[in-house]
Every structure is written in C-alpha cells, then in structure tokens.
Amino acid sequence: MIPEPVIEISNVWKIFGAKPEAALQAIRERGLSKADVLEEYNAVIGVADVSLSVSRGEIFCIMGLSGSGKSTLVRHFNRLLEPTAGRIEIEGTDVCGLDPRALQRFRNQKIGMVFQNFALMPHRSVLDNVAMPLEIRQVPKNERLRQAAAILDIVELGAWGQKFAHELSGGMQQRVGLARALAANPDVLLMDEPFSALDPLIRRQLQDEFIRLSKILKKTTVFITHDLDEAVRIGDRIAIMRDGQMVQMGTAEDIVMHPADDYVADFVAGISRLKVVHAKAVMRPIEAYLATEPPLSAQAPRVGSGETLSTLITLAIDDDSPILVQEEGRDIGVISRADLLRTVIEGTEMS
C-alpha cells in the first residue's frame, strides 16, 4: 500500500534580491551558478528547485550545515516566505493560492510550528500560552483551557500550568512551545531546530520525549536540524541539503550505506552503523548464497530482517554459523561473518 502524501513540494525556488524572477530565468536559460547570480543580479539562491513528499504520520528530517537552506525551505510550507517559483500542497490545498485571510485560517487550523526560540508570552501563564492558538480560533475560554490542560498533561507539565515562563527551565519552556503547537490539533508540525539551543543532556531528554509523543499522536512532522545524530534518532527519512539544493533523501540506513557523493559521505562519516544498519541491508539473498555454499544447519541462528548490526555482531561472537534472515516467516537471506566484517570495515574507512 502506497503511503498517503500529506505534504507535496514541487520545484520550489527561493531567490532573495530585487529581481528574483529575472535571476531565475537566467539560471534556467544560462545555467548560472550561485556565485554568478550573486555577481550579476546581487541576488542569493536560498532554495534551488526542491521537490519532496512527506507521508501521513511520517517524521521527515531536513538537515544541512548553516546556510544550506533548510530553515528557508521549511518557512515556505506555511508561506512565512513566499516562493519565487514552485508548488506547495498540504492536505490537497494549494498553499500558494490562498488569499491572506484563508492563509491565516489555514495556518491556525492545519499547521503547528515550533521554533528554536521558545517565543513564550512572558505576561501569560503557561496554561494561557498553550491555549493561545485556540483563543485565536475563538474557542470559548473554559473549553480552550480544558484542552490546553490536557496537552500539558501529555507533555508532563500538568502541574506547571499557573507558572510563568521565567519560572521554567529551558527544556520545560521548549515543552511548553511544543504543547502550544499541539493544542490546536494541527495536521502538520513544522519544527525548526527546536532543541539546538539546549544543553546536550536536556536535548537528549527532549528528543526522547518527542519520540514518545510521536508514537502517541502520530503527527506528520517536518523536523529541521543540523545534527545528524538527532536526525537518525528521530527521523523516518532524512533529506540532506547543500547550497539550497536537496543532495540526498532516504532512510538513515540508505544514506549511511550509500552516500550520494563525497559531501554526504563526509556528513555521515561519524555515525555508528551499529544501530542504523539492519540485516536486510547486509544479507546476501538466500538463492545466491545457496548457489555457492552448502545448506545451513537447522541450528543456524535466525533473525528478522529489521535486526540491527549491533545484534548481528553479538550473534556472530557467540556462534560462527552463518545467520539466516527471515521476513514474514520466510527465509530471505544469509549473513556470514565475512559479510559483517565487510560492513564494519567499510564504515570504518568512511570515518
């Protein structure tokens, strides 16, 4: 079954400058580089011909170094930035075709956004901060406070509703920001480096909290980060950007095992394969194995196709027999110690 797309972005460009349309025409007709555009038109390419699709319930991470265009791109999803060209559809709505009033309603009802800056109102209580999107919708006060309190309970801040932002730690304030984004029950969450300003330990705790909430609420999420470890922990799929362009898109395993170019290879060099690579990516198909090797014994260790490299190595330490890989009760592949060693060595050479 093909996953249902919620977000579809097609050929989106963003050029900053006085004559963005002329610059784009020159790019298309003459193949101008980013440096050429800056020199000839005094314009900067923020996003360059990006297309992507995000499925319902998916956590889609967009990452890249500072200046890669990832935050610029996500601000197009709800038209905080207007694209120079391209099409943006969310839940079948042509976002670029909305007039100002319809766009405001669309943002309030369909999209929740969490920024790196918590942006909490200092004169409002935590509960009132969380209830703000519902207040904008003109939900009656008792009902919006009830819904806000319920969301605070979900992010485990129910006892802090009457406090003010300055009385909370940074990690707690960011959980309030997340609760506020969730209060209006949006279809889509846009999260722009929400945890990057936090200390490492608090950041990891917030990642764990977000993963827990995602399993409960199943919100379609676009998550911006410059941290590959964070993207690997959180994302169902990852897109890597450079100079406004989408360089590679896929699962963490796809990107770590098959980097598209040297830039991506350098990006993923520090990532341990142990928790990212799974049995299906390491195995040889069973037909190919049996064509050259003797049949496996009945006592051969067996694993599911989604088992991690870490578990496979542990099995190989305890038993030198080839490992049989199964999927839906069917034998589909075999992994030898040599296969495991090759996978580990290739990962070492990349780092």
Protein backbone atom coordinates (compact mmCIF):
# COMPACT_ATOMS: atom_id res chain seq x y z
CA MET A 1 0.00 0.00 0.00
CA ILE A 2 1.45 3.37 -1.06
CA PRO A 3 1.61 5.84 1.90
CA GLU A 4 -0.74 8.80 1.63
CA PRO A 5 1.18 12.04 0.98
CA VAL A 6 0.26 14.97 3.22
CA ILE A 7 2.91 17.43 2.02
CA GLU A 8 3.99 17.71 -1.60
CA ILE A 9 6.59 20.27 -2.64
CA SER A 10 7.34 20.59 -6.36
CA ASN A 11 10.25 22.53 -7.93
CA VAL A 12 10.38 25.22 -5.24
CA TRP A 13 12.83 28.08 -5.72
CA LYS A 14 13.57 30.98 -3.41
CA ILE A 15 15.83 33.76 -4.63
CA PHE A 16 16.46 36.76 -2.39
CA GLY A 17 17.07 40.04 -4.18
CA ALA A 18 15.47 42.90 -6.09
CA LYS A 19 14.86 40.88 -9.29
CA PRO A 20 14.33 37.25 -8.29
CA GLU A 21 12.25 36.32 -11.37
CA ALA A 22 14.91 37.66 -13.76
CA ALA A 23 17.61 35.82 -11.84
CA LEU A 24 15.63 32.58 -12.00
CA GLN A 25 15.08 32.97 -15.74
CA ALA A 26 18.82 33.43 -16.21
CA ILE A 27 19.53 30.33 -14.12
CA ARG A 28 17.18 28.26 -16.26
CA GLU A 29 18.34 29.65 -19.60
CA ARG A 30 22.07 30.07 -18.97
CA GLY A 31 22.77 27.69 -16.10
CA LEU A 32 24.16 30.40 -13.81
CA SER A 33 25.85 29.25 -10.61
CA LYS A 34 25.15 30.66 -7.16
CA ALA A 35 28.23 32.89 -7.46
CA ASP A 36 27.15 34.07 -10.93
CA VAL A 37 23.69 35.03 -9.64
CA LEU A 38 25.21 37.00 -6.79
CA GLU A 39 27.58 38.84 -9.14
CA GLU A 40 25.12 39.59 -11.96
CA TYR A 41 21.89 40.16 -10.04
CA ASN A 42 23.07 40.85 -6.48
CA ALA A 43 20.73 38.00 -5.52
CA VAL A 44 21.12 34.96 -3.27
CA ILE A 45 19.75 31.50 -4.02
CA GLY A 46 18.09 30.28 -0.81
CA VAL A 47 16.30 27.21 -2.20
CA ALA A 48 17.06 25.67 -5.58
CA ASP A 49 14.46 23.51 -7.34
CA VAL A 50 13.49 21.37 -4.35
CA SER A 51 10.83 18.67 -4.62
CA LEU A 52 9.77 16.28 -1.86
CA SER A 53 6.80 14.39 -0.45
CA VAL A 54 6.00 13.64 3.20
CA SER A 55 3.59 10.83 4.09
CA ARG A 56 0.92 10.87 6.77
CA GLY A 57 2.39 10.28 10.22
CA GLU A 58 5.98 10.45 8.95
CA ILE A 59 8.78 12.33 10.71
CA PHE A 60 10.79 13.83 7.86
CA CYS A 61 14.11 15.38 8.90
CA ILE A 62 15.76 18.04 6.75
CA MET A 63 19.36 18.68 7.67
CA GLY A 64 22.44 20.51 6.49
CA LEU A 65 25.10 22.91 7.62
CA SER A 66 24.38 26.56 8.42
CA GLY A 67 23.37 28.33 5.21
CA SER A 68 22.30 25.13 3.43
CA GLY A 69 18.71 26.39 3.02
CA LYS A 70 16.92 24.01 5.38
CA SER A 71 15.24 26.68 7.56
CA THR A 72 14.47 28.79 4.49
CA LEU A 73 12.75 25.79 2.90
CA VAL A 74 10.55 24.95 5.89
CA ARG A 75 9.28 28.54 6.08
CA HIS A 76 7.72 28.03 2.66
CA PHE A 77 5.44 25.25 3.90
CA ASN A 78 3.18 27.77 5.64
CA ARG A 79 4.25 30.74 3.49
CA LEU A 80 6.18 32.63 6.09
CA LEU A 81 8.32 33.06 2.99
CA GLU A 82 6.85 33.36 -0.49
CA PRO A 83 8.49 31.07 -3.06
CA THR A 84 9.95 32.61 -6.20
CA ALA A 85 8.59 29.61 -8.10
CA GLY A 86 7.16 26.16 -7.43
CA ARG A 87 4.11 24.48 -5.94
CA ILE A 88 3.30 23.67 -2.30
CA GLU A 89 0.39 21.40 -1.40
CA ILE A 90 -0.62 20.36 2.12
CA GLU A 91 -3.60 18.05 2.57
CA GLY A 92 -4.51 18.76 -1.07
CA THR A 93 -4.58 22.54 -0.54
CA ASP A 94 -2.56 24.74 -2.88
CA VAL A 95 -0.91 26.86 -0.19
CA CYS A 96 0.41 29.40 -2.69
CA GLY A 97 -3.12 30.02 -3.97
CA LEU A 98 -4.57 31.09 -0.60
CA ASP A 99 -5.55 34.71 -0.05
CA PRO A 100 -4.35 36.38 3.20
CA ARG A 101 -7.46 35.54 5.23
CA ALA A 102 -7.58 31.92 4.02
CA LEU A 103 -3.84 31.58 4.66
CA GLN A 104 -4.24 32.79 8.23
CA ARG A 105 -7.06 30.31 8.81
CA PHE A 106 -5.03 27.53 7.19
CA ARG A 107 -2.01 28.21 9.41
CA ASN A 108 -4.14 28.25 12.53
CA GLN A 109 -6.07 25.08 11.77
CA LYS A 110 -3.65 22.89 9.82
CA ILE A 111 -0.10 23.71 10.94
CA GLY A 112 1.73 23.93 14.25
CA MET A 113 5.23 25.38 14.34
CA VAL A 114 7.96 25.10 16.97
CA PHE A 115 10.96 27.39 16.70
CA GLN A 116 14.42 27.27 18.27
CA ASN A 117 13.40 30.39 20.19
CA PHE A 118 10.62 29.36 22.58
CA ALA A 119 8.73 32.65 21.92
CA LEU A 120 6.51 32.32 25.02
CA MET A 121 4.49 35.33 26.15
CA PRO A 122 6.11 36.41 29.46
CA HIS A 123 2.94 38.06 30.83
CA ARG A 124 0.83 34.92 30.30
CA SER A 125 0.78 31.77 32.39
CA VAL A 126 1.98 28.50 30.91
CA LEU A 127 -1.64 27.40 30.53
CA ASP A 128 -2.60 30.62 28.72
CA ASN A 129 0.43 30.32 26.43
CA VAL A 130 -0.62 26.83 25.40
CA ALA A 131 -4.24 27.94 24.90
CA MET A 132 -3.29 30.82 22.53
CA PRO A 133 -3.97 29.01 19.23
CA LEU A 134 -7.42 28.06 20.50
CA GLU A 135 -8.04 31.65 21.62
CA ILE A 136 -7.23 32.81 18.06
CA ARG A 137 -9.84 30.31 16.86
CA GLN A 138 -12.28 31.95 19.30
CA VAL A 139 -12.83 28.72 21.21
CA PRO A 140 -14.74 29.52 24.45
CA LYS A 141 -12.42 30.14 27.39
CA ASN A 142 -13.38 27.15 29.54
CA GLU A 143 -13.03 24.76 26.61
CA ARG A 144 -9.68 26.10 25.44
CA LEU A 145 -8.26 25.96 28.97
CA ARG A 146 -9.50 22.39 29.31
CA GLN A 147 -7.83 21.38 26.04
CA ALA A 148 -4.62 23.21 26.97
CA ALA A 149 -4.52 21.47 30.34
CA ALA A 150 -4.94 18.09 28.62
CA ILE A 151 -1.98 18.82 26.32
CA LEU A 152 0.15 19.95 29.26
CA ASP A 153 -0.56 16.60 30.89
CA ILE A 154 0.63 14.81 27.74
CA VAL A 155 3.98 16.68 27.83
CA GLU A 156 4.14 16.02 31.60
CA LEU A 157 3.82 19.67 32.66
CA GLY A 158 0.31 19.49 34.10
CA ALA A 159 1.42 20.84 37.49
CA TRP A 160 3.05 23.92 35.94
CA GLY A 161 0.03 25.47 34.23
CA GLN A 162 -0.19 28.51 36.54
CA LYS A 163 3.52 29.29 36.42
CA PHE A 164 5.14 31.87 34.13
CA ALA A 165 7.82 31.17 31.52
CA HIS A 166 10.68 32.67 33.54
CA GLU A 167 9.94 30.15 36.32
CA LEU A 168 10.65 27.18 33.99
CA SER A 169 13.92 25.72 32.78
CA GLY A 170 14.88 25.92 29.10
CA GLY A 171 13.85 22.34 28.49
CA MET A 172 10.48 22.90 30.16
CA GLN A 173 9.89 26.07 28.14
CA GLN A 174 10.51 24.17 24.93
CA ARG A 175 7.98 21.52 26.02
CA VAL A 176 5.50 24.37 26.54
CA GLY A 177 6.28 25.53 22.99
CA LEU A 178 5.60 22.02 21.72
CA ALA A 179 2.38 21.83 23.73
CA ARG A 180 1.23 25.15 22.25
CA ALA A 181 1.86 23.82 18.72
CA LEU A 182 -0.14 20.68 19.54
CA ALA A 183 -3.03 22.42 21.31
CA ALA A 184 -4.90 23.22 18.11
CA ASN A 185 -4.53 19.61 16.95
CA PRO A 186 -2.80 20.51 13.66
CA ASP A 187 -2.38 18.03 10.82
CA VAL A 188 1.27 19.05 10.30
CA LEU A 189 4.06 20.01 12.72
CA LEU A 190 6.96 22.15 11.49
CA MET A 191 9.90 22.08 13.90
CA ASP A 192 12.84 24.36 13.14
CA GLU A 193 15.86 23.21 15.20
CA PRO A 194 13.66 23.11 18.32
CA PHE A 195 16.26 21.57 20.63
CA SER A 196 19.52 23.06 19.35
CA ALA A 197 19.74 25.81 21.99
CA LEU A 198 19.53 23.32 24.86
CA ASP A 199 22.28 21.61 26.82
CA PRO A 200 23.21 18.12 25.48
CA LEU A 201 21.56 16.15 28.30
CA ILE A 202 18.33 18.18 28.20
CA ARG A 203 18.38 17.98 24.41
CA ARG A 204 18.50 14.19 24.51
CA GLN A 205 15.68 14.10 27.05
CA LEU A 206 13.56 16.31 24.78
CA GLN A 207 14.33 14.04 21.82
CA ASP A 208 13.13 11.07 23.87
CA GLU A 209 10.02 13.00 24.86
CA PHE A 210 9.31 13.93 21.24
CA ILE A 211 9.74 10.31 20.10
CA ARG A 212 7.29 9.24 22.82
CA LEU A 213 4.75 11.87 21.80
CA SER A 214 5.11 11.00 18.13
CA LYS A 215 4.15 7.40 18.83
CA ILE A 216 1.04 8.61 20.65
CA LEU A 217 -0.11 11.46 18.40
CA LYS A 218 1.24 10.30 15.00
CA LYS A 219 1.57 13.84 13.65
CA THR A 220 3.06 14.40 10.21
CA THR A 221 6.25 16.26 11.09
CA VAL A 222 8.97 18.15 9.23
CA PHE A 223 11.94 18.43 11.60
CA ILE A 224 14.86 20.76 10.80
CA THR A 225 18.25 20.02 12.35
CA HIS A 226 21.97 20.43 11.70
CA ASP A 227 22.73 17.40 13.89
CA LEU A 228 22.89 14.07 12.04
CA ASP A 229 22.72 12.09 15.29
CA GLU A 230 19.43 13.85 16.08
CA ALA A 231 18.09 13.18 12.59
CA VAL A 232 19.00 9.49 12.83
CA ARG A 233 17.32 9.15 16.23
CA ILE A 234 14.13 10.96 15.26
CA GLY A 235 13.55 10.72 11.52
CA ASP A 236 11.77 8.09 9.47
CA ARG A 237 13.52 9.64 6.47
CA ILE A 238 16.27 12.21 6.14
CA ALA A 239 16.99 14.80 3.45
CA ILE A 240 20.42 16.44 3.27
CA MET A 241 20.70 19.95 1.79
CA ARG A 242 23.67 21.93 0.48
CA ASP A 243 23.63 25.39 -1.13
CA GLY A 244 19.83 25.34 -1.30
CA GLN A 245 19.69 22.02 -3.14
CA MET A 246 18.48 18.60 -1.99
CA VAL A 247 21.58 16.38 -2.22
CA GLN A 248 20.16 13.07 -0.97
CA MET A 249 16.94 11.76 0.51
CA GLY A 250 16.23 8.40 2.17
CA THR A 251 16.29 6.45 5.39
CA ALA A 252 19.28 6.78 7.70
CA GLU A 253 20.36 3.32 6.56
CA ASP A 254 20.13 4.30 2.87
CA ILE A 255 22.25 7.39 3.40
CA VAL A 256 24.87 5.74 5.62
CA MET A 257 25.23 2.69 3.36
CA HIS A 258 25.01 4.50 0.01
CA PRO A 259 26.04 8.18 0.28
CA ALA A 260 25.28 10.06 -2.93
CA ASP A 261 28.60 11.93 -3.06
CA ASP A 262 31.68 12.86 -1.05
CA TYR A 263 29.80 15.64 0.74
CA VAL A 264 27.23 13.19 2.11
CA ALA A 265 29.94 10.62 2.87
CA ASP A 266 31.77 13.21 4.98
CA PHE A 267 28.49 14.13 6.65
CA VAL A 268 27.75 10.56 7.76
CA ALA A 269 31.35 9.55 8.50
CA GLY A 270 30.94 9.93 12.24
CA ILE A 271 27.71 7.94 12.52
CA SER A 272 27.99 4.46 14.00
CA ARG A 273 26.43 1.84 11.76
CA LEU A 274 25.58 -0.41 14.72
CA LYS A 275 22.07 0.97 15.30
CA VAL A 276 21.41 2.26 11.78
CA VAL A 277 22.18 -0.70 9.51
CA HIS A 278 19.80 -3.66 9.52
CA ALA A 279 20.03 -7.30 8.50
CA LYS A 280 18.28 -6.81 5.16
CA ALA A 281 20.97 -4.35 4.03
CA VAL A 282 23.83 -6.72 4.94
CA MET A 283 22.49 -10.12 3.83
CA ARG A 284 23.04 -12.00 0.59
CA PRO A 285 19.79 -13.27 -0.99
CA ILE A 286 19.31 -16.89 0.01
CA GLU A 287 19.24 -18.13 -3.60
CA ALA A 288 22.62 -16.52 -4.32
CA TYR A 289 24.09 -17.92 -1.11
CA LEU A 290 22.89 -21.48 -1.69
CA ALA A 291 24.20 -21.40 -5.26
CA THR A 292 27.78 -21.42 -3.93
CA GLU A 293 27.57 -22.54 -0.30
CA PRO A 294 26.27 -25.67 1.49
CA PRO A 295 22.77 -25.59 3.08
CA LEU A 296 22.53 -24.08 6.56
CA SER A 297 22.11 -26.34 9.55
CA ALA A 298 18.82 -26.45 11.43
CA GLN A 299 20.62 -24.88 14.41
CA ALA A 300 21.74 -21.79 12.48
CA PRO A 301 20.81 -18.57 14.31
CA ARG A 302 17.79 -16.78 12.87
CA VAL A 303 16.90 -13.07 12.92
CA GLY A 304 14.26 -10.79 11.48
CA SER A 305 15.15 -8.55 8.53
CA GLY A 306 14.98 -5.47 10.76
CA GLU A 307 17.56 -6.65 13.30
CA THR A 308 20.41 -4.19 13.85
CA LEU A 309 24.06 -4.66 13.00
CA SER A 310 24.85 -4.49 16.72
CA THR A 311 22.71 -7.57 17.42
CA LEU A 312 24.13 -9.41 14.41
CA ILE A 313 27.69 -8.88 15.65
CA THR A 314 26.74 -10.17 19.09
CA LEU A 315 25.26 -13.32 17.49
CA ALA A 316 28.40 -13.83 15.40
CA ILE A 317 30.58 -13.62 18.50
CA ASP A 318 28.60 -16.40 20.18
CA ASP A 319 28.14 -18.61 17.09
CA ASP A 320 30.33 -18.78 13.99
CA SER A 321 27.50 -20.24 11.84
CA PRO A 322 26.01 -18.05 9.09
CA ILE A 323 22.91 -16.16 10.23
CA LEU A 324 19.60 -16.86 8.49
CA VAL A 325 17.44 -13.76 7.83
CA GLN A 326 13.67 -14.17 7.83
CA GLU A 327 10.76 -11.92 6.86
CA GLU A 328 7.11 -12.80 7.45
CA GLY A 329 8.14 -16.37 8.33
CA ARG A 330 10.06 -16.83 5.09
CA ASP A 331 13.84 -17.32 4.65
CA ILE A 332 15.12 -14.44 2.51
CA GLY A 333 18.86 -14.15 3.10
CA VAL A 334 22.05 -15.22 4.82
CA ILE A 335 24.74 -13.22 6.62
CA SER A 336 28.21 -14.67 7.16
CA ARG A 337 30.91 -13.35 9.48
CA ALA A 338 32.69 -12.08 6.36
CA ASP A 339 29.61 -10.05 5.40
CA LEU A 340 29.53 -8.47 8.87
CA LEU A 341 33.25 -7.75 8.84
CA ARG A 342 33.00 -6.14 5.42
CA THR A 343 30.16 -3.89 6.57
CA VAL A 344 32.07 -2.80 9.68
CA ILE A 345 35.31 -2.18 7.75
CA GLU A 346 33.53 -0.09 5.10
CA GLY A 347 32.05 2.02 7.88
CA THR A 348 35.50 2.43 9.45
CA GLU A 349 37.01 3.54 6.15
CA MET A 350 34.32 6.23 5.84
CA SER A 351 35.11 7.69 9.27
